[in-house]
Amino acid sequence: ENSLLKTSTCSSVNPSGVFVSPYALNLSSFTKLVKRLQERHPEFSRDEIVEAVQEVRKINKGVLSGLAISSIEEKTSAIL
């Protein structure tokens, strides 16, 4: 899932002094997408949903950026 979204290459320390991985910085959209898909398709496991999202990325020339979350959700639902 880290490779699904382009992320910043720098790491940071949040205000409480906890190290934040660069891969955790931009995953909120991915997490939101997976959560919406899990609610919409409870019959599929998280791994199956992630695989379907990866298939959407592959179909979209290897990137998801530029697509609306709703569009990715629809395309993933069609695959599932």
N, C-alpha and C. Protein backbone atom coordinates (compact mmCIF):
# COMPACT_ATOMS: atom_id res chain seq x y z
N GLU A 1 0.81 -1.19 0.00
CA GLU A 1 0.00 0.00 0.00
C GLU A 1 0.86 1.26 0.00
N ASN A 2 2.06 1.17 0.52
CA ASN A 2 2.94 2.34 0.49
C ASN A 2 3.23 2.77 -0.93
N SER A 3 3.26 1.84 -1.86
CA SER A 3 3.59 2.19 -3.23
C SER A 3 2.37 2.68 -4.00
N LEU A 4 1.18 2.62 -3.42
CA LEU A 4 -0.01 3.05 -4.14
C LEU A 4 -0.10 4.55 -4.31
N LEU A 5 0.37 5.27 -3.34
CA LEU A 5 0.30 6.72 -3.40
C LEU A 5 1.69 7.30 -3.42
N LYS A 6 1.88 8.36 -4.18
CA LYS A 6 3.16 9.04 -4.14
C LYS A 6 3.26 9.79 -2.82
N THR A 7 4.40 9.67 -2.18
CA THR A 7 4.57 10.32 -0.88
C THR A 7 5.79 11.20 -0.90
N SER A 8 5.85 12.06 0.05
CA SER A 8 7.02 12.91 0.23
C SER A 8 8.21 12.02 0.57
N THR A 9 9.39 12.43 0.15
CA THR A 9 10.56 11.62 0.45
C THR A 9 11.22 12.04 1.75
N CYS A 10 10.73 13.09 2.37
CA CYS A 10 11.33 13.49 3.64
C CYS A 10 10.52 12.96 4.80
N SER A 11 11.19 12.74 5.89
CA SER A 11 10.49 12.30 7.10
C SER A 11 10.37 13.49 8.02
N SER A 12 9.59 13.35 9.06
CA SER A 12 9.41 14.47 9.98
C SER A 12 9.16 13.95 11.38
N VAL A 13 9.20 14.87 12.31
CA VAL A 13 8.88 14.58 13.69
C VAL A 13 7.65 15.41 14.01
N ASN A 14 6.59 14.76 14.49
CA ASN A 14 5.36 15.51 14.79
C ASN A 14 5.54 16.31 16.08
N PRO A 15 4.57 17.19 16.40
CA PRO A 15 4.72 18.06 17.57
C PRO A 15 4.99 17.33 18.89
N SER A 16 4.56 16.10 19.01
CA SER A 16 4.80 15.37 20.26
C SER A 16 6.17 14.70 20.26
N GLY A 17 6.96 14.92 19.19
CA GLY A 17 8.31 14.37 19.14
C GLY A 17 8.38 12.96 18.60
N VAL A 18 7.30 12.45 18.04
CA VAL A 18 7.27 11.10 17.52
C VAL A 18 7.67 11.12 16.04
N PHE A 19 8.60 10.26 15.67
CA PHE A 19 9.03 10.17 14.28
C PHE A 19 7.88 9.70 13.41
N VAL A 20 7.71 10.35 12.26
CA VAL A 20 6.66 9.98 11.32
C VAL A 20 7.34 9.55 10.02
N SER A 21 7.10 8.34 9.62
CA SER A 21 7.65 7.82 8.37
C SER A 21 7.11 8.61 7.19
N PRO A 22 7.92 8.83 6.15
CA PRO A 22 7.40 9.53 4.97
C PRO A 22 6.26 8.77 4.32
N TYR A 23 6.21 7.46 4.52
CA TYR A 23 5.15 6.67 3.91
C TYR A 23 3.83 6.81 4.65
N ALA A 24 3.86 7.33 5.86
CA ALA A 24 2.63 7.51 6.63
C ALA A 24 2.03 8.89 6.43
N LEU A 25 2.77 9.78 5.80
CA LEU A 25 2.32 11.16 5.70
C LEU A 25 1.12 11.36 4.79
N ASN A 26 1.03 10.62 3.70
CA ASN A 26 -0.04 10.84 2.73
C ASN A 26 -0.95 9.64 2.56
N LEU A 27 -1.08 8.82 3.57
CA LEU A 27 -1.90 7.63 3.43
C LEU A 27 -3.34 7.85 3.87
N SER A 28 -3.68 9.05 4.32
CA SER A 28 -5.05 9.26 4.79
C SER A 28 -6.06 9.04 3.67
N SER A 29 -5.76 9.45 2.46
CA SER A 29 -6.69 9.23 1.34
C SER A 29 -6.82 7.74 1.04
N PHE A 30 -5.70 7.03 1.07
CA PHE A 30 -5.74 5.59 0.83
C PHE A 30 -6.54 4.89 1.92
N THR A 31 -6.29 5.27 3.18
CA THR A 31 -7.02 4.67 4.30
C THR A 31 -8.51 4.94 4.17
N LYS A 32 -8.87 6.16 3.80
CA LYS A 32 -10.27 6.52 3.62
C LYS A 32 -10.90 5.70 2.49
N LEU A 33 -10.16 5.54 1.40
CA LEU A 33 -10.65 4.76 0.27
C LEU A 33 -10.89 3.31 0.67
N VAL A 34 -9.92 2.70 1.35
CA VAL A 34 -10.07 1.30 1.77
C VAL A 34 -11.24 1.15 2.72
N LYS A 35 -11.38 2.09 3.65
CA LYS A 35 -12.50 2.03 4.60
C LYS A 35 -13.83 2.11 3.87
N ARG A 36 -13.94 3.03 2.90
CA ARG A 36 -15.20 3.15 2.13
C ARG A 36 -15.48 1.87 1.35
N LEU A 37 -14.44 1.28 0.78
CA LEU A 37 -14.63 0.04 0.02
C LEU A 37 -14.98 -1.13 0.93
N GLN A 38 -14.42 -1.16 2.14
CA GLN A 38 -14.77 -2.22 3.09
C GLN A 38 -16.23 -2.10 3.52
N GLU A 39 -16.71 -0.88 3.68
CA GLU A 39 -18.11 -0.67 4.04
C GLU A 39 -19.04 -1.05 2.88
N ARG A 40 -18.60 -0.76 1.68
CA ARG A 40 -19.41 -1.04 0.49
C ARG A 40 -19.38 -2.52 0.11
N HIS A 41 -18.26 -3.18 0.38
CA HIS A 41 -18.06 -4.58 -0.01
C HIS A 41 -17.57 -5.40 1.19
N PRO A 42 -18.40 -5.58 2.20
CA PRO A 42 -17.95 -6.30 3.40
C PRO A 42 -17.59 -7.77 3.13
N GLU A 43 -18.01 -8.29 2.00
CA GLU A 43 -17.72 -9.68 1.67
C GLU A 43 -16.26 -9.90 1.24
N PHE A 44 -15.52 -8.80 0.99
CA PHE A 44 -14.13 -8.90 0.57
C PHE A 44 -13.20 -8.53 1.71
N SER A 45 -12.06 -9.20 1.78
CA SER A 45 -11.06 -8.89 2.80
C SER A 45 -10.33 -7.61 2.42
N ARG A 46 -9.62 -7.04 3.39
CA ARG A 46 -8.84 -5.84 3.12
C ARG A 46 -7.80 -6.13 2.05
N ASP A 47 -7.16 -7.29 2.11
CA ASP A 47 -6.15 -7.66 1.12
C ASP A 47 -6.73 -7.73 -0.28
N GLU A 48 -7.93 -8.29 -0.41
CA GLU A 48 -8.58 -8.36 -1.72
C GLU A 48 -8.90 -6.97 -2.24
N ILE A 49 -9.31 -6.08 -1.35
CA ILE A 49 -9.62 -4.70 -1.74
C ILE A 49 -8.34 -3.99 -2.19
N VAL A 50 -7.26 -4.16 -1.44
CA VAL A 50 -5.99 -3.54 -1.81
C VAL A 50 -5.52 -4.06 -3.17
N GLU A 51 -5.67 -5.36 -3.41
CA GLU A 51 -5.29 -5.93 -4.71
C GLU A 51 -6.12 -5.31 -5.83
N ALA A 52 -7.41 -5.09 -5.61
CA ALA A 52 -8.27 -4.48 -6.62
C ALA A 52 -7.86 -3.03 -6.88
N VAL A 53 -7.50 -2.30 -5.82
CA VAL A 53 -7.02 -0.92 -5.98
C VAL A 53 -5.72 -0.92 -6.79
N GLN A 54 -4.85 -1.87 -6.52
CA GLN A 54 -3.60 -1.98 -7.29
C GLN A 54 -3.89 -2.27 -8.76
N GLU A 55 -4.91 -3.04 -9.03
CA GLU A 55 -5.30 -3.32 -10.41
C GLU A 55 -5.78 -2.04 -11.10
N VAL A 56 -6.54 -1.22 -10.38
CA VAL A 56 -6.98 0.07 -10.93
C VAL A 56 -5.77 0.93 -11.26
N ARG A 57 -4.80 0.94 -10.36
CA ARG A 57 -3.58 1.71 -10.61
C ARG A 57 -2.86 1.20 -11.85
N LYS A 58 -2.76 -0.11 -11.98
CA LYS A 58 -2.09 -0.71 -13.14
C LYS A 58 -2.81 -0.31 -14.43
N ILE A 59 -4.12 -0.37 -14.43
CA ILE A 59 -4.92 0.00 -15.60
C ILE A 59 -4.73 1.48 -15.93
N ASN A 60 -4.52 2.30 -14.90
CA ASN A 60 -4.37 3.75 -15.07
C ASN A 60 -2.90 4.15 -15.23
N LYS A 61 -2.15 3.37 -15.97
CA LYS A 61 -0.75 3.65 -16.28
C LYS A 61 0.14 3.76 -15.05
N GLY A 62 -0.20 3.01 -14.01
CA GLY A 62 0.67 2.93 -12.84
C GLY A 62 0.48 4.01 -11.80
N VAL A 63 -0.51 4.88 -11.97
CA VAL A 63 -0.71 5.96 -10.99
C VAL A 63 -2.18 6.08 -10.62
N LEU A 64 -2.40 6.57 -9.41
CA LEU A 64 -3.75 6.89 -8.96
C LEU A 64 -3.93 8.39 -8.81
N SER A 65 -2.81 9.11 -8.69
CA SER A 65 -2.92 10.55 -8.52
C SER A 65 -3.60 11.16 -9.73
N GLY A 66 -4.45 12.12 -9.48
CA GLY A 66 -5.21 12.74 -10.55
C GLY A 66 -6.62 12.19 -10.66
N LEU A 67 -6.85 11.00 -10.09
CA LEU A 67 -8.19 10.43 -10.08
C LEU A 67 -8.89 10.80 -8.79
N ALA A 68 -10.16 11.13 -8.86
CA ALA A 68 -10.94 11.39 -7.66
C ALA A 68 -11.11 10.09 -6.88
N ILE A 69 -11.18 10.21 -5.56
CA ILE A 69 -11.38 9.02 -4.73
C ILE A 69 -12.64 8.29 -5.16
N SER A 70 -13.70 9.04 -5.48
CA SER A 70 -14.96 8.41 -5.91
C SER A 70 -14.77 7.63 -7.20
N SER A 71 -13.93 8.13 -8.10
CA SER A 71 -13.65 7.43 -9.35
C SER A 71 -12.87 6.15 -9.09
N ILE A 72 -11.86 6.23 -8.21
CA ILE A 72 -11.09 5.03 -7.86
C ILE A 72 -12.01 4.02 -7.19
N GLU A 73 -12.91 4.51 -6.33
CA GLU A 73 -13.86 3.62 -5.64
C GLU A 73 -14.75 2.90 -6.65
N GLU A 74 -15.26 3.62 -7.64
CA GLU A 74 -16.13 3.01 -8.65
C GLU A 74 -15.38 1.98 -9.48
N LYS A 75 -14.17 2.33 -9.91
CA LYS A 75 -13.38 1.41 -10.73
C LYS A 75 -12.99 0.16 -9.93
N THR A 76 -12.66 0.35 -8.66
CA THR A 76 -12.30 -0.78 -7.80
C THR A 76 -13.51 -1.67 -7.57
N SER A 77 -14.67 -1.05 -7.36
CA SER A 77 -15.91 -1.82 -7.15
C SER A 77 -16.22 -2.66 -8.38
N ALA A 78 -15.99 -2.14 -9.56
CA ALA A 78 -16.23 -2.90 -10.78
C ALA A 78 -15.32 -4.12 -10.86
N ILE A 79 -14.09 -3.98 -10.39
CA ILE A 79 -13.15 -5.11 -10.37
C ILE A 79 -13.58 -6.15 -9.34
N LEU A 80 -13.99 -5.67 -8.16
CA LEU A 80 -14.41 -6.60 -7.11
C LEU A 80 -15.65 -7.34 -7.55
